[in-house]
N, C-alpha and C. Protein backbone atom coordinates (compact mmCIF):
# COMPACT_ATOMS: atom_id res chain seq x y z
N MET A 1 -53.46 6.99 30.00
CA MET A 1 -53.45 6.33 28.72
C MET A 1 -52.03 6.40 28.16
N THR A 2 -51.52 5.31 27.69
CA THR A 2 -50.18 5.29 27.13
C THR A 2 -50.24 5.24 25.62
N ALA A 3 -49.26 5.87 25.04
CA ALA A 3 -49.19 5.89 23.59
C ALA A 3 -48.57 4.58 23.10
N VAL A 4 -49.19 4.01 22.12
CA VAL A 4 -48.69 2.77 21.56
C VAL A 4 -47.89 3.11 20.31
N GLU A 5 -46.67 2.63 20.28
CA GLU A 5 -45.81 2.91 19.14
C GLU A 5 -46.22 1.99 18.00
N SER A 6 -46.51 2.59 16.86
CA SER A 6 -46.89 1.75 15.73
C SER A 6 -45.64 1.32 14.98
N ARG A 7 -45.51 0.03 14.83
CA ARG A 7 -44.38 -0.54 14.13
C ARG A 7 -44.90 -1.33 12.96
N PRO A 8 -44.16 -1.30 11.88
CA PRO A 8 -44.59 -2.11 10.75
C PRO A 8 -44.47 -3.59 11.07
N THR A 9 -45.34 -4.39 10.53
CA THR A 9 -45.24 -5.83 10.74
C THR A 9 -44.15 -6.39 9.85
N ALA A 10 -43.81 -7.62 10.11
CA ALA A 10 -42.72 -8.26 9.34
C ALA A 10 -43.03 -8.20 7.85
N GLY A 11 -42.04 -7.83 7.09
CA GLY A 11 -42.20 -7.75 5.65
C GLY A 11 -42.72 -6.42 5.16
N GLN A 12 -43.04 -5.49 6.05
CA GLN A 12 -43.57 -4.21 5.63
C GLN A 12 -42.62 -3.05 5.93
N TYR A 13 -41.38 -3.36 6.13
CA TYR A 13 -40.40 -2.32 6.37
C TYR A 13 -40.11 -1.58 5.07
N GLY A 14 -39.85 -0.28 5.20
CA GLY A 14 -39.48 0.53 4.04
C GLY A 14 -37.97 0.73 3.98
N PHE A 15 -37.55 1.55 3.03
CA PHE A 15 -36.12 1.77 2.84
C PHE A 15 -35.49 2.41 4.07
N THR A 16 -36.17 3.37 4.70
CA THR A 16 -35.56 4.03 5.86
C THR A 16 -35.38 3.05 7.02
N HIS A 17 -36.34 2.13 7.20
CA HIS A 17 -36.18 1.12 8.24
C HIS A 17 -34.99 0.21 7.93
N ALA A 18 -34.93 -0.23 6.69
CA ALA A 18 -33.83 -1.12 6.28
C ALA A 18 -32.49 -0.41 6.41
N ALA A 19 -32.43 0.85 6.01
CA ALA A 19 -31.17 1.61 6.10
C ALA A 19 -30.76 1.79 7.56
N HIS A 20 -31.73 2.04 8.43
CA HIS A 20 -31.42 2.19 9.85
C HIS A 20 -30.87 0.87 10.42
N MET A 21 -31.47 -0.24 10.04
CA MET A 21 -30.97 -1.54 10.51
C MET A 21 -29.56 -1.80 9.98
N GLU A 22 -29.31 -1.45 8.73
CA GLU A 22 -27.98 -1.65 8.16
C GLU A 22 -26.95 -0.74 8.81
N TRP A 23 -27.35 0.46 9.19
CA TRP A 23 -26.44 1.38 9.87
C TRP A 23 -26.03 0.79 11.22
N ILE A 24 -26.99 0.21 11.94
CA ILE A 24 -26.67 -0.40 13.23
C ILE A 24 -25.70 -1.57 13.04
N LYS A 25 -25.96 -2.39 12.03
CA LYS A 25 -25.08 -3.53 11.77
C LYS A 25 -23.68 -3.08 11.36
N LEU A 26 -23.61 -2.04 10.54
CA LEU A 26 -22.30 -1.54 10.09
C LEU A 26 -21.50 -0.99 11.26
N ARG A 27 -22.16 -0.26 12.13
CA ARG A 27 -21.47 0.30 13.30
C ARG A 27 -21.00 -0.78 14.26
N SER A 28 -21.73 -1.88 14.33
CA SER A 28 -21.40 -2.90 15.32
C SER A 28 -20.27 -3.84 14.88
N LEU A 29 -19.89 -3.80 13.61
CA LEU A 29 -18.78 -4.64 13.15
C LEU A 29 -17.45 -4.01 13.56
N ARG A 30 -16.60 -4.78 14.22
CA ARG A 30 -15.29 -4.26 14.59
C ARG A 30 -14.43 -4.00 13.36
N SER A 31 -14.64 -4.80 12.34
CA SER A 31 -13.84 -4.65 11.13
C SER A 31 -14.08 -3.31 10.46
N THR A 32 -15.26 -2.72 10.66
CA THR A 32 -15.55 -1.43 10.05
C THR A 32 -14.60 -0.36 10.58
N LEU A 33 -14.47 -0.27 11.87
CA LEU A 33 -13.60 0.73 12.47
C LEU A 33 -12.15 0.52 12.06
N TRP A 34 -11.67 -0.72 12.13
CA TRP A 34 -10.27 -0.98 11.81
C TRP A 34 -9.98 -0.73 10.33
N ALA A 35 -10.89 -1.12 9.47
CA ALA A 35 -10.67 -0.91 8.04
C ALA A 35 -10.70 0.58 7.70
N LEU A 36 -11.61 1.33 8.30
CA LEU A 36 -11.66 2.77 8.03
C LEU A 36 -10.44 3.48 8.59
N LEU A 37 -9.96 3.06 9.76
CA LEU A 37 -8.73 3.64 10.31
C LEU A 37 -7.52 3.31 9.42
N ALA A 38 -7.47 2.09 8.90
CA ALA A 38 -6.38 1.74 7.98
C ALA A 38 -6.46 2.55 6.70
N THR A 39 -7.66 2.80 6.23
CA THR A 39 -7.85 3.63 5.03
C THR A 39 -7.34 5.05 5.28
N VAL A 40 -7.74 5.61 6.41
CA VAL A 40 -7.33 6.98 6.75
C VAL A 40 -5.81 7.06 6.87
N ALA A 41 -5.23 6.19 7.66
CA ALA A 41 -3.78 6.24 7.88
C ALA A 41 -3.00 5.98 6.59
N GLY A 42 -3.42 4.99 5.84
CA GLY A 42 -2.71 4.64 4.61
C GLY A 42 -2.78 5.73 3.56
N MET A 43 -3.98 6.27 3.34
CA MET A 43 -4.13 7.31 2.33
C MET A 43 -3.36 8.57 2.69
N ILE A 44 -3.41 8.96 3.95
CA ILE A 44 -2.69 10.17 4.38
C ILE A 44 -1.18 9.94 4.28
N ALA A 45 -0.71 8.79 4.75
CA ALA A 45 0.73 8.53 4.72
C ALA A 45 1.26 8.47 3.29
N ILE A 46 0.57 7.77 2.42
CA ILE A 46 1.02 7.69 1.03
C ILE A 46 0.98 9.06 0.36
N GLY A 47 -0.08 9.82 0.61
CA GLY A 47 -0.19 11.16 0.02
C GLY A 47 0.92 12.08 0.47
N ILE A 48 1.25 12.07 1.75
CA ILE A 48 2.30 12.94 2.27
C ILE A 48 3.68 12.52 1.74
N VAL A 49 3.95 11.21 1.76
CA VAL A 49 5.24 10.73 1.26
C VAL A 49 5.38 11.04 -0.23
N THR A 50 4.32 10.86 -0.99
CA THR A 50 4.37 11.15 -2.42
C THR A 50 4.61 12.63 -2.66
N MET A 51 3.93 13.47 -1.91
CA MET A 51 4.11 14.92 -2.10
C MET A 51 5.50 15.36 -1.65
N ALA A 52 6.02 14.76 -0.59
CA ALA A 52 7.36 15.14 -0.12
C ALA A 52 8.43 14.77 -1.15
N ASN A 53 8.16 13.76 -1.95
CA ASN A 53 9.13 13.32 -2.97
C ASN A 53 8.79 13.83 -4.36
N THR A 54 7.86 14.74 -4.47
CA THR A 54 7.48 15.29 -5.77
C THR A 54 8.49 16.34 -6.21
N ARG A 55 8.93 16.20 -7.42
CA ARG A 55 9.87 17.16 -8.01
C ARG A 55 9.28 17.65 -9.32
N ALA A 56 9.50 18.89 -9.64
CA ALA A 56 9.04 19.44 -10.92
C ALA A 56 9.86 18.80 -12.04
N PRO A 57 9.25 18.57 -13.21
CA PRO A 57 9.97 17.89 -14.29
C PRO A 57 11.17 18.65 -14.82
N GLY A 58 11.22 19.92 -14.66
CA GLY A 58 12.35 20.72 -15.13
C GLY A 58 12.07 22.18 -14.89
N PRO A 59 13.08 23.04 -14.98
CA PRO A 59 12.86 24.46 -14.69
C PRO A 59 11.88 25.11 -15.67
N ASP A 60 11.84 24.64 -16.90
CA ASP A 60 10.94 25.27 -17.86
C ASP A 60 9.48 24.82 -17.66
N HIS A 61 9.26 23.70 -16.95
CA HIS A 61 7.90 23.21 -16.71
C HIS A 61 7.44 23.42 -15.26
N ALA A 62 8.27 24.04 -14.44
CA ALA A 62 7.95 24.18 -13.02
C ALA A 62 6.69 25.01 -12.80
N ALA A 63 6.47 26.03 -13.62
CA ALA A 63 5.30 26.89 -13.43
C ALA A 63 4.01 26.19 -13.83
N THR A 64 4.06 25.27 -14.77
CA THR A 64 2.85 24.60 -15.24
C THR A 64 2.66 23.22 -14.64
N PHE A 65 3.58 22.77 -13.81
CA PHE A 65 3.49 21.44 -13.21
C PHE A 65 2.37 21.40 -12.20
N ASP A 66 1.53 20.37 -12.25
CA ASP A 66 0.39 20.23 -11.35
C ASP A 66 0.60 19.01 -10.45
N PRO A 67 0.95 19.21 -9.17
CA PRO A 67 1.22 18.08 -8.28
C PRO A 67 -0.02 17.51 -7.59
N VAL A 68 -1.21 17.99 -7.96
CA VAL A 68 -2.42 17.55 -7.26
C VAL A 68 -2.63 16.05 -7.38
N ASN A 69 -2.36 15.49 -8.54
CA ASN A 69 -2.56 14.05 -8.71
C ASN A 69 -1.66 13.23 -7.81
N ASN A 70 -0.51 13.78 -7.45
CA ASN A 70 0.41 13.04 -6.57
C ASN A 70 -0.16 12.88 -5.17
N VAL A 71 -0.91 13.85 -4.70
CA VAL A 71 -1.48 13.75 -3.36
C VAL A 71 -2.59 12.69 -3.33
N LEU A 72 -3.14 12.39 -4.49
CA LEU A 72 -4.21 11.40 -4.57
C LEU A 72 -3.68 10.00 -4.81
N ALA A 73 -2.38 9.80 -4.66
CA ALA A 73 -1.77 8.48 -4.89
C ALA A 73 -2.28 7.43 -3.91
N GLY A 74 -2.69 7.84 -2.73
CA GLY A 74 -3.18 6.90 -1.72
C GLY A 74 -4.56 6.36 -2.01
N ILE A 75 -5.21 6.89 -3.03
CA ILE A 75 -6.56 6.43 -3.37
C ILE A 75 -6.56 4.94 -3.71
N ALA A 76 -5.52 4.46 -4.35
CA ALA A 76 -5.46 3.04 -4.73
C ALA A 76 -5.52 2.15 -3.49
N LEU A 77 -4.76 2.49 -2.46
CA LEU A 77 -4.81 1.72 -1.22
C LEU A 77 -6.19 1.85 -0.58
N GLY A 78 -6.72 3.06 -0.58
CA GLY A 78 -8.06 3.28 -0.02
C GLY A 78 -9.11 2.46 -0.74
N GLN A 79 -9.03 2.38 -2.06
CA GLN A 79 -9.98 1.57 -2.82
C GLN A 79 -9.89 0.10 -2.44
N LEU A 80 -8.69 -0.39 -2.26
CA LEU A 80 -8.50 -1.79 -1.89
C LEU A 80 -9.14 -2.08 -0.53
N ILE A 81 -8.85 -1.25 0.45
CA ILE A 81 -9.36 -1.49 1.81
C ILE A 81 -10.87 -1.31 1.85
N VAL A 82 -11.38 -0.28 1.20
CA VAL A 82 -12.83 -0.05 1.18
C VAL A 82 -13.53 -1.19 0.43
N GLY A 83 -12.90 -1.71 -0.60
CA GLY A 83 -13.48 -2.85 -1.32
C GLY A 83 -13.57 -4.08 -0.44
N VAL A 84 -12.53 -4.36 0.32
CA VAL A 84 -12.55 -5.49 1.25
C VAL A 84 -13.62 -5.28 2.31
N LEU A 85 -13.71 -4.06 2.84
CA LEU A 85 -14.74 -3.77 3.84
C LEU A 85 -16.13 -3.93 3.24
N GLY A 86 -16.31 -3.53 1.99
CA GLY A 86 -17.60 -3.70 1.33
C GLY A 86 -18.00 -5.16 1.23
N VAL A 87 -17.04 -6.01 0.92
CA VAL A 87 -17.32 -7.45 0.88
C VAL A 87 -17.71 -7.95 2.26
N LEU A 88 -17.00 -7.50 3.28
CA LEU A 88 -17.34 -7.92 4.65
C LEU A 88 -18.73 -7.45 5.07
N VAL A 89 -19.07 -6.23 4.69
CA VAL A 89 -20.38 -5.68 5.06
C VAL A 89 -21.51 -6.50 4.43
N ILE A 90 -21.33 -6.87 3.18
CA ILE A 90 -22.38 -7.61 2.48
C ILE A 90 -22.44 -9.07 2.92
N THR A 91 -21.29 -9.70 3.17
CA THR A 91 -21.27 -11.14 3.42
C THR A 91 -21.21 -11.54 4.89
N ALA A 92 -21.00 -10.62 5.81
CA ALA A 92 -20.84 -10.98 7.22
C ALA A 92 -22.06 -11.69 7.78
N GLU A 93 -23.23 -11.29 7.34
CA GLU A 93 -24.45 -11.92 7.85
C GLU A 93 -24.58 -13.36 7.38
N TYR A 94 -24.08 -13.64 6.21
CA TYR A 94 -24.16 -15.00 5.69
C TYR A 94 -23.26 -15.93 6.49
N ALA A 95 -22.10 -15.46 6.88
CA ALA A 95 -21.15 -16.28 7.65
C ALA A 95 -21.69 -16.60 9.04
N SER A 96 -22.36 -15.64 9.64
CA SER A 96 -22.86 -15.86 11.00
C SER A 96 -24.26 -16.48 11.03
N GLY A 97 -24.94 -16.47 9.91
CA GLY A 97 -26.30 -17.02 9.87
C GLY A 97 -27.38 -16.02 10.22
N SER A 98 -27.00 -14.80 10.55
CA SER A 98 -28.00 -13.80 10.92
C SER A 98 -28.78 -13.26 9.73
N ILE A 99 -28.41 -13.67 8.53
CA ILE A 99 -29.15 -13.23 7.34
C ILE A 99 -30.57 -13.77 7.38
N ARG A 100 -30.80 -14.89 8.06
CA ARG A 100 -32.15 -15.46 8.14
C ARG A 100 -33.10 -14.50 8.85
N SER A 101 -32.66 -13.92 9.95
CA SER A 101 -33.54 -12.99 10.67
C SER A 101 -33.71 -11.69 9.89
N THR A 102 -32.67 -11.27 9.19
CA THR A 102 -32.77 -10.06 8.37
C THR A 102 -33.78 -10.27 7.25
N LEU A 103 -33.69 -11.41 6.58
CA LEU A 103 -34.62 -11.68 5.49
C LEU A 103 -36.03 -11.98 5.99
N ALA A 104 -36.16 -12.42 7.24
CA ALA A 104 -37.49 -12.59 7.80
C ALA A 104 -38.15 -11.24 8.01
N ALA A 105 -37.37 -10.25 8.41
CA ALA A 105 -37.90 -8.90 8.63
C ALA A 105 -38.09 -8.16 7.31
N ILE A 106 -37.13 -8.32 6.39
CA ILE A 106 -37.18 -7.62 5.10
C ILE A 106 -37.01 -8.67 4.00
N PRO A 107 -38.10 -9.31 3.58
CA PRO A 107 -37.96 -10.34 2.55
C PRO A 107 -37.68 -9.77 1.16
N ASN A 108 -37.81 -8.47 1.00
CA ASN A 108 -37.57 -7.83 -0.28
C ASN A 108 -36.05 -7.66 -0.45
N ARG A 109 -35.42 -8.60 -1.15
CA ARG A 109 -33.97 -8.60 -1.28
C ARG A 109 -33.41 -7.37 -2.00
N PRO A 110 -34.04 -6.89 -3.07
CA PRO A 110 -33.51 -5.67 -3.70
C PRO A 110 -33.52 -4.47 -2.75
N LEU A 111 -34.54 -4.36 -1.92
CA LEU A 111 -34.60 -3.28 -0.93
C LEU A 111 -33.48 -3.43 0.09
N LEU A 112 -33.26 -4.65 0.54
CA LEU A 112 -32.20 -4.91 1.50
C LEU A 112 -30.83 -4.60 0.92
N LEU A 113 -30.60 -5.04 -0.31
CA LEU A 113 -29.32 -4.78 -0.96
C LEU A 113 -29.11 -3.28 -1.19
N ALA A 114 -30.17 -2.57 -1.58
CA ALA A 114 -30.07 -1.13 -1.78
C ALA A 114 -29.74 -0.42 -0.47
N ALA A 115 -30.34 -0.88 0.63
CA ALA A 115 -30.05 -0.27 1.93
C ALA A 115 -28.61 -0.53 2.34
N LYS A 116 -28.14 -1.76 2.15
CA LYS A 116 -26.74 -2.07 2.48
C LYS A 116 -25.79 -1.22 1.66
N ALA A 117 -26.01 -1.18 0.36
CA ALA A 117 -25.13 -0.41 -0.53
C ALA A 117 -25.21 1.08 -0.23
N GLY A 118 -26.39 1.58 0.05
CA GLY A 118 -26.55 3.01 0.33
C GLY A 118 -25.85 3.44 1.60
N VAL A 119 -26.03 2.67 2.66
CA VAL A 119 -25.41 3.01 3.94
C VAL A 119 -23.89 2.91 3.83
N PHE A 120 -23.41 1.82 3.25
CA PHE A 120 -21.96 1.67 3.12
C PHE A 120 -21.37 2.73 2.19
N GLY A 121 -22.08 3.04 1.12
CA GLY A 121 -21.60 4.06 0.18
C GLY A 121 -21.50 5.43 0.83
N LEU A 122 -22.47 5.79 1.65
CA LEU A 122 -22.42 7.09 2.33
C LEU A 122 -21.28 7.15 3.35
N VAL A 123 -21.06 6.06 4.06
CA VAL A 123 -19.95 6.03 5.02
C VAL A 123 -18.62 6.15 4.28
N ALA A 124 -18.46 5.40 3.20
CA ALA A 124 -17.22 5.46 2.43
C ALA A 124 -17.02 6.84 1.82
N LEU A 125 -18.10 7.46 1.36
CA LEU A 125 -17.99 8.80 0.78
C LEU A 125 -17.59 9.83 1.83
N ALA A 126 -18.20 9.77 3.00
CA ALA A 126 -17.88 10.73 4.06
C ALA A 126 -16.42 10.58 4.52
N VAL A 127 -16.00 9.35 4.75
CA VAL A 127 -14.61 9.12 5.17
C VAL A 127 -13.65 9.54 4.07
N GLY A 128 -13.98 9.18 2.83
CA GLY A 128 -13.12 9.51 1.71
C GLY A 128 -12.95 11.00 1.50
N GLU A 129 -14.04 11.76 1.63
CA GLU A 129 -13.95 13.22 1.47
C GLU A 129 -13.05 13.83 2.54
N VAL A 130 -13.26 13.44 3.76
CA VAL A 130 -12.45 14.00 4.85
C VAL A 130 -10.97 13.64 4.66
N VAL A 131 -10.70 12.39 4.36
CA VAL A 131 -9.32 11.94 4.20
C VAL A 131 -8.65 12.63 3.01
N THR A 132 -9.38 12.79 1.92
CA THR A 132 -8.80 13.43 0.75
C THR A 132 -8.42 14.87 1.03
N PHE A 133 -9.28 15.62 1.70
CA PHE A 133 -8.97 17.01 2.00
C PHE A 133 -7.84 17.13 3.01
N VAL A 134 -7.83 16.26 4.02
CA VAL A 134 -6.73 16.28 5.00
C VAL A 134 -5.42 15.94 4.32
N THR A 135 -5.44 14.93 3.46
CA THR A 135 -4.23 14.54 2.74
C THR A 135 -3.74 15.67 1.84
N PHE A 136 -4.65 16.33 1.17
CA PHE A 136 -4.27 17.43 0.29
C PHE A 136 -3.62 18.56 1.09
N LEU A 137 -4.25 18.94 2.19
CA LEU A 137 -3.71 20.05 2.99
C LEU A 137 -2.37 19.68 3.63
N ALA A 138 -2.24 18.45 4.12
CA ALA A 138 -0.97 18.02 4.71
C ALA A 138 0.09 17.84 3.62
N GLY A 139 -0.32 17.33 2.47
CA GLY A 139 0.61 17.13 1.37
C GLY A 139 1.16 18.43 0.82
N ARG A 140 0.34 19.48 0.84
CA ARG A 140 0.82 20.80 0.41
C ARG A 140 1.99 21.25 1.27
N LEU A 141 1.90 20.98 2.56
CA LEU A 141 2.97 21.38 3.47
C LEU A 141 4.25 20.58 3.25
N ALA A 142 4.10 19.36 2.71
CA ALA A 142 5.26 18.50 2.50
C ALA A 142 5.99 18.80 1.20
N LEU A 143 5.40 19.61 0.33
CA LEU A 143 6.05 19.93 -0.95
C LEU A 143 7.32 20.75 -0.72
N THR A 144 8.29 20.53 -1.59
CA THR A 144 9.51 21.34 -1.51
C THR A 144 9.23 22.72 -2.10
N ASP A 145 10.14 23.64 -1.88
CA ASP A 145 9.96 25.00 -2.39
C ASP A 145 10.08 25.07 -3.91
N ALA A 146 10.68 24.06 -4.52
CA ALA A 146 10.85 24.07 -5.98
C ALA A 146 9.53 23.81 -6.72
N VAL A 147 8.55 23.26 -6.01
CA VAL A 147 7.26 22.94 -6.61
C VAL A 147 6.22 23.92 -6.07
N SER A 148 5.44 24.50 -6.97
CA SER A 148 4.42 25.44 -6.52
C SER A 148 3.32 24.69 -5.76
N ARG A 149 2.87 25.31 -4.68
CA ARG A 149 1.84 24.69 -3.85
C ARG A 149 0.46 24.99 -4.42
N PRO A 150 -0.29 23.95 -4.78
CA PRO A 150 -1.64 24.19 -5.31
C PRO A 150 -2.59 24.59 -4.18
N GLY A 151 -3.58 25.37 -4.52
CA GLY A 151 -4.59 25.78 -3.56
C GLY A 151 -5.95 25.27 -3.96
N LEU A 152 -6.88 25.30 -3.03
CA LEU A 152 -8.23 24.83 -3.34
C LEU A 152 -8.91 25.68 -4.41
N GLY A 153 -8.49 26.92 -4.55
CA GLY A 153 -9.08 27.81 -5.54
C GLY A 153 -8.47 27.68 -6.93
N ASP A 154 -7.40 26.93 -7.05
CA ASP A 154 -6.78 26.74 -8.36
C ASP A 154 -7.71 25.95 -9.27
N PRO A 155 -7.62 26.18 -10.57
CA PRO A 155 -8.52 25.49 -11.50
C PRO A 155 -8.36 23.97 -11.43
N GLY A 156 -9.46 23.28 -11.26
CA GLY A 156 -9.49 21.82 -11.28
C GLY A 156 -9.14 21.14 -9.98
N VAL A 157 -8.63 21.85 -9.00
CA VAL A 157 -8.19 21.22 -7.75
C VAL A 157 -9.39 20.72 -6.95
N LEU A 158 -10.36 21.57 -6.74
CA LEU A 158 -11.53 21.18 -5.95
C LEU A 158 -12.27 20.03 -6.63
N ARG A 159 -12.40 20.10 -7.94
CA ARG A 159 -13.07 19.04 -8.69
C ARG A 159 -12.31 17.72 -8.53
N ALA A 160 -10.98 17.76 -8.62
CA ALA A 160 -10.18 16.54 -8.47
C ALA A 160 -10.35 15.94 -7.08
N LEU A 161 -10.38 16.78 -6.05
CA LEU A 161 -10.54 16.27 -4.69
C LEU A 161 -11.92 15.68 -4.46
N LEU A 162 -12.95 16.35 -4.94
CA LEU A 162 -14.31 15.85 -4.75
C LEU A 162 -14.56 14.57 -5.54
N LEU A 163 -14.10 14.51 -6.75
CA LEU A 163 -14.38 13.34 -7.58
C LEU A 163 -13.49 12.14 -7.26
N SER A 164 -12.36 12.38 -6.63
CA SER A 164 -11.53 11.24 -6.25
C SER A 164 -12.25 10.40 -5.19
N CYS A 165 -13.05 11.04 -4.37
CA CYS A 165 -13.82 10.30 -3.35
C CYS A 165 -14.92 9.49 -4.01
N VAL A 166 -15.47 10.00 -5.10
CA VAL A 166 -16.48 9.23 -5.82
C VAL A 166 -15.85 7.97 -6.38
N ALA A 167 -14.62 8.07 -6.87
CA ALA A 167 -13.91 6.89 -7.36
C ALA A 167 -13.67 5.90 -6.22
N LEU A 168 -13.41 6.41 -5.03
CA LEU A 168 -13.22 5.53 -3.87
C LEU A 168 -14.49 4.76 -3.56
N VAL A 169 -15.61 5.43 -3.62
CA VAL A 169 -16.88 4.79 -3.30
C VAL A 169 -17.27 3.79 -4.39
N LEU A 170 -17.05 4.16 -5.64
CA LEU A 170 -17.43 3.24 -6.72
C LEU A 170 -16.57 2.00 -6.70
């Protein structure tokens, strides 16, 4: 006796099914890999260059100067690239015509849109978190001796790094 796999019929897919389908589509786009690699390279390069050129405002302010925001300078480029990728993720099916088969399987458009946004948002958040921490750690090494090196345990540093990725995703 063989086990029969029960599959939902057309139009009865749930959020997890839709999210799984969107994950497969996101992985299969070549633009996803290239855009995420450009985001990683651009954010890290801008962060390191900015930190290498960071100078304290003066000798009397050197102890209170906080260079953490300088390492996050690459976020603007990351937001631009992730925004373009987000547009491609949402509209790629319309250009190729494959949206018809997607909507035949999942006619609930709000569910489909939520799955697309959720999957893309999680990917952008994961990449953004990793890139932000790598940029911060590499940027610390690029600072001159005249500027104090911030650490993850310093007040507000961890919060700034974690929330900058939320800004990237939004």
